[in-house]
């Protein structure tokens, strides 16, 4: 009886190690116009990244000008808002790039 129990336990341990078979890769959905949905999403993300990068460059130039104008001890709230906007844009671009 002990041998049967050990054999059954060993068999269960072998099956537990196997795990689940890997899931098949997801199929790419086609849009009504025949284009790949994932390709269209990538194109839109790329356009957003370019637009956000251009906005960041503009804000960085404005911050640089503001820092040159302002006193070394006092910075305007407007400058701090621009820096926050740059940070938000950076996180948005980084998040879109991490998806893939």
C-alpha atoms as a PDB file:
ATOM      1  CA  UNK A   1       0.000   0.000   0.000  1.00  0.00           C
ATOM      2  CA  UNK A   2       2.834   2.393   0.813  1.00  0.00           C
ATOM      3  CA  UNK A   3       4.427   1.582  -2.576  1.00  0.00           C
ATOM      4  CA  UNK A   4       1.191   2.392  -4.388  1.00  0.00           C
ATOM      5  CA  UNK A   5       0.893   5.662  -2.523  1.00  0.00           C
ATOM      6  CA  UNK A   6       4.506   6.593  -3.341  1.00  0.00           C
ATOM      7  CA  UNK A   7       4.028   5.639  -6.986  1.00  0.00           C
ATOM      8  CA  UNK A   8       0.881   7.751  -7.209  1.00  0.00           C
ATOM      9  CA  UNK A   9       2.631  10.663  -5.490  1.00  0.00           C
ATOM     10  CA  UNK A  10       5.584  10.384  -7.893  1.00  0.00           C
ATOM     11  CA  UNK A  11       3.235  10.312 -10.892  1.00  0.00           C
ATOM     12  CA  UNK A  12       1.378  13.396  -9.666  1.00  0.00           C
ATOM     13  CA  UNK A  13       4.687  15.210  -9.140  1.00  0.00           C
ATOM     14  CA  UNK A  14       5.708  14.450 -12.738  1.00  0.00           C
ATOM     15  CA  UNK A  15       2.426  15.808 -14.108  1.00  0.00           C
ATOM     16  CA  UNK A  16       2.696  18.903 -11.915  1.00  0.00           C
ATOM     17  CA  UNK A  17       6.149  19.678 -13.331  1.00  0.00           C
ATOM     18  CA  UNK A  18       4.891  19.632 -16.893  1.00  0.00           C
ATOM     19  CA  UNK A  19       2.697  22.695 -16.440  1.00  0.00           C
ATOM     20  CA  UNK A  20       0.403  24.061 -19.090  1.00  0.00           C
ATOM     21  CA  UNK A  21       1.411  24.051 -22.737  1.00  0.00           C
ATOM     22  CA  UNK A  22       2.327  27.522 -24.018  1.00  0.00           C
ATOM     23  CA  UNK A  23      -0.546  29.499 -25.446  1.00  0.00           C
ATOM     24  CA  UNK A  24      -0.486  30.034 -29.202  1.00  0.00           C
ATOM     25  CA  UNK A  25       0.572  33.526 -30.283  1.00  0.00           C
ATOM     26  CA  UNK A  26      -2.337  35.914 -30.743  1.00  0.00           C
ATOM     27  CA  UNK A  27      -3.506  36.338 -34.291  1.00  0.00           C
ATOM     28  CA  UNK A  28      -3.300  39.803 -35.762  1.00  0.00           C
ATOM     29  CA  UNK A  29      -6.675  41.431 -36.287  1.00  0.00           C
ATOM     30  CA  UNK A  30      -7.387  42.928 -39.673  1.00  0.00           C
ATOM     31  CA  UNK A  31      -9.204  46.241 -39.916  1.00  0.00           C
ATOM     32  CA  UNK A  32     -12.082  46.693 -42.374  1.00  0.00           C
ATOM     33  CA  UNK A  33      -9.713  48.454 -44.778  1.00  0.00           C
ATOM     34  CA  UNK A  34      -7.514  45.316 -44.833  1.00  0.00           C
ATOM     35  CA  UNK A  35      -4.612  46.739 -42.825  1.00  0.00           C
ATOM     36  CA  UNK A  36      -3.144  45.120 -39.733  1.00  0.00           C
ATOM     37  CA  UNK A  37      -4.495  46.565 -36.491  1.00  0.00           C
ATOM     38  CA  UNK A  38      -1.149  46.291 -34.703  1.00  0.00           C
ATOM     39  CA  UNK A  39       0.633  48.062 -37.569  1.00  0.00           C
ATOM     40  CA  UNK A  40      -1.858  50.919 -37.427  1.00  0.00           C
ATOM     41  CA  UNK A  41      -1.433  51.215 -33.661  1.00  0.00           C
ATOM     42  CA  UNK A  42       2.342  51.332 -34.102  1.00  0.00           C
ATOM     43  CA  UNK A  43       2.023  54.067 -36.733  1.00  0.00           C
ATOM     44  CA  UNK A  44      -0.230  56.153 -34.474  1.00  0.00           C
ATOM     45  CA  UNK A  45       2.121  55.704 -31.505  1.00  0.00           C
ATOM     46  CA  UNK A  46       5.057  56.758 -33.673  1.00  0.00           C
ATOM     47  CA  UNK A  47       3.223  59.916 -34.755  1.00  0.00           C
ATOM     48  CA  UNK A  48       2.367  60.705 -31.125  1.00  0.00           C
ATOM     49  CA  UNK A  49       5.995  60.154 -30.092  1.00  0.00           C
ATOM     50  CA  UNK A  50       7.230  62.535 -32.793  1.00  0.00           C
ATOM     51  CA  UNK A  51       4.675  65.190 -31.836  1.00  0.00           C
ATOM     52  CA  UNK A  52       5.489  64.840 -28.131  1.00  0.00           C
ATOM     53  CA  UNK A  53       9.229  65.019 -28.838  1.00  0.00           C
ATOM     54  CA  UNK A  54       8.735  68.222 -30.846  1.00  0.00           C
ATOM     55  CA  UNK A  55       6.681  69.707 -28.013  1.00  0.00           C
ATOM     56  CA  UNK A  56       9.363  68.691 -25.512  1.00  0.00           C
ATOM     57  CA  UNK A  57      12.067  70.359 -27.608  1.00  0.00           C
ATOM     58  CA  UNK A  58      10.026  73.570 -27.772  1.00  0.00           C
ATOM     59  CA  UNK A  59       9.399  73.528 -24.012  1.00  0.00           C
ATOM     60  CA  UNK A  60      13.071  72.804 -23.299  1.00  0.00           C
ATOM     61  CA  UNK A  61      14.086  75.833 -25.373  1.00  0.00           C
ATOM     62  CA  UNK A  62      11.564  77.997 -23.513  1.00  0.00           C
ATOM     63  CA  UNK A  63      12.821  76.718 -20.146  1.00  0.00           C
ATOM     64  CA  UNK A  64      16.362  77.519 -21.178  1.00  0.00           C
ATOM     65  CA  UNK A  65      15.350  81.067 -22.102  1.00  0.00           C
ATOM     66  CA  UNK A  66      13.409  81.457 -18.836  1.00  0.00           C
ATOM     67  CA  UNK A  67      16.397  80.292 -16.792  1.00  0.00           C
ATOM     68  CA  UNK A  68      18.626  82.821 -18.503  1.00  0.00           C
ATOM     69  CA  UNK A  69      16.138  85.634 -17.810  1.00  0.00           C
ATOM     70  CA  UNK A  70      15.286  84.729 -14.213  1.00  0.00           C
ATOM     71  CA  UNK A  71      17.347  85.473 -11.144  1.00  0.00           C
ATOM     72  CA  UNK A  72      19.578  82.697  -9.853  1.00  0.00           C
ATOM     73  CA  UNK A  73      17.470  82.271  -6.707  1.00  0.00           C
ATOM     74  CA  UNK A  74      13.937  82.781  -8.029  1.00  0.00           C
ATOM     75  CA  UNK A  75      12.183  80.843 -10.779  1.00  0.00           C
ATOM     76  CA  UNK A  76       8.701  81.478 -12.048  1.00  0.00           C
ATOM     77  CA  UNK A  77       5.797  79.125 -11.606  1.00  0.00           C
ATOM     78  CA  UNK A  78       5.499  79.159 -15.382  1.00  0.00           C
ATOM     79  CA  UNK A  79       8.984  77.644 -15.689  1.00  0.00           C
ATOM     80  CA  UNK A  80       8.128  74.933 -13.163  1.00  0.00           C
ATOM     81  CA  UNK A  81       4.911  74.148 -15.086  1.00  0.00           C
ATOM     82  CA  UNK A  82       6.934  73.751 -18.288  1.00  0.00           C
ATOM     83  CA  UNK A  83       9.303  71.367 -16.526  1.00  0.00           C
ATOM     84  CA  UNK A  84       6.333  69.330 -15.274  1.00  0.00           C
ATOM     85  CA  UNK A  85       4.936  69.207 -18.813  1.00  0.00           C
ATOM     86  CA  UNK A  86       8.290  67.968 -20.126  1.00  0.00           C
ATOM     87  CA  UNK A  87       8.286  65.237 -17.481  1.00  0.00           C
ATOM     88  CA  UNK A  88       4.722  64.163 -18.391  1.00  0.00           C
ATOM     89  CA  UNK A  89       5.603  64.008 -22.085  1.00  0.00           C
ATOM     90  CA  UNK A  90       8.708  61.973 -21.303  1.00  0.00           C
ATOM     91  CA  UNK A  91       6.685  59.465 -19.294  1.00  0.00           C
ATOM     92  CA  UNK A  92       4.075  59.231 -22.059  1.00  0.00           C
ATOM     93  CA  UNK A  93       6.697  58.481 -24.705  1.00  0.00           C
ATOM     94  CA  UNK A  94       8.443  55.998 -22.432  1.00  0.00           C
ATOM     95  CA  UNK A  95       5.127  54.240 -21.717  1.00  0.00           C
ATOM     96  CA  UNK A  96       4.309  53.914 -25.421  1.00  0.00           C
ATOM     97  CA  UNK A  97       7.776  52.529 -26.142  1.00  0.00           C
ATOM     98  CA  UNK A  98       7.547  49.973 -23.320  1.00  0.00           C
ATOM     99  CA  UNK A  99       4.360  48.463 -24.787  1.00  0.00           C
ATOM    100  CA  UNK A 100       6.364  46.720 -27.463  1.00  0.00           C
END
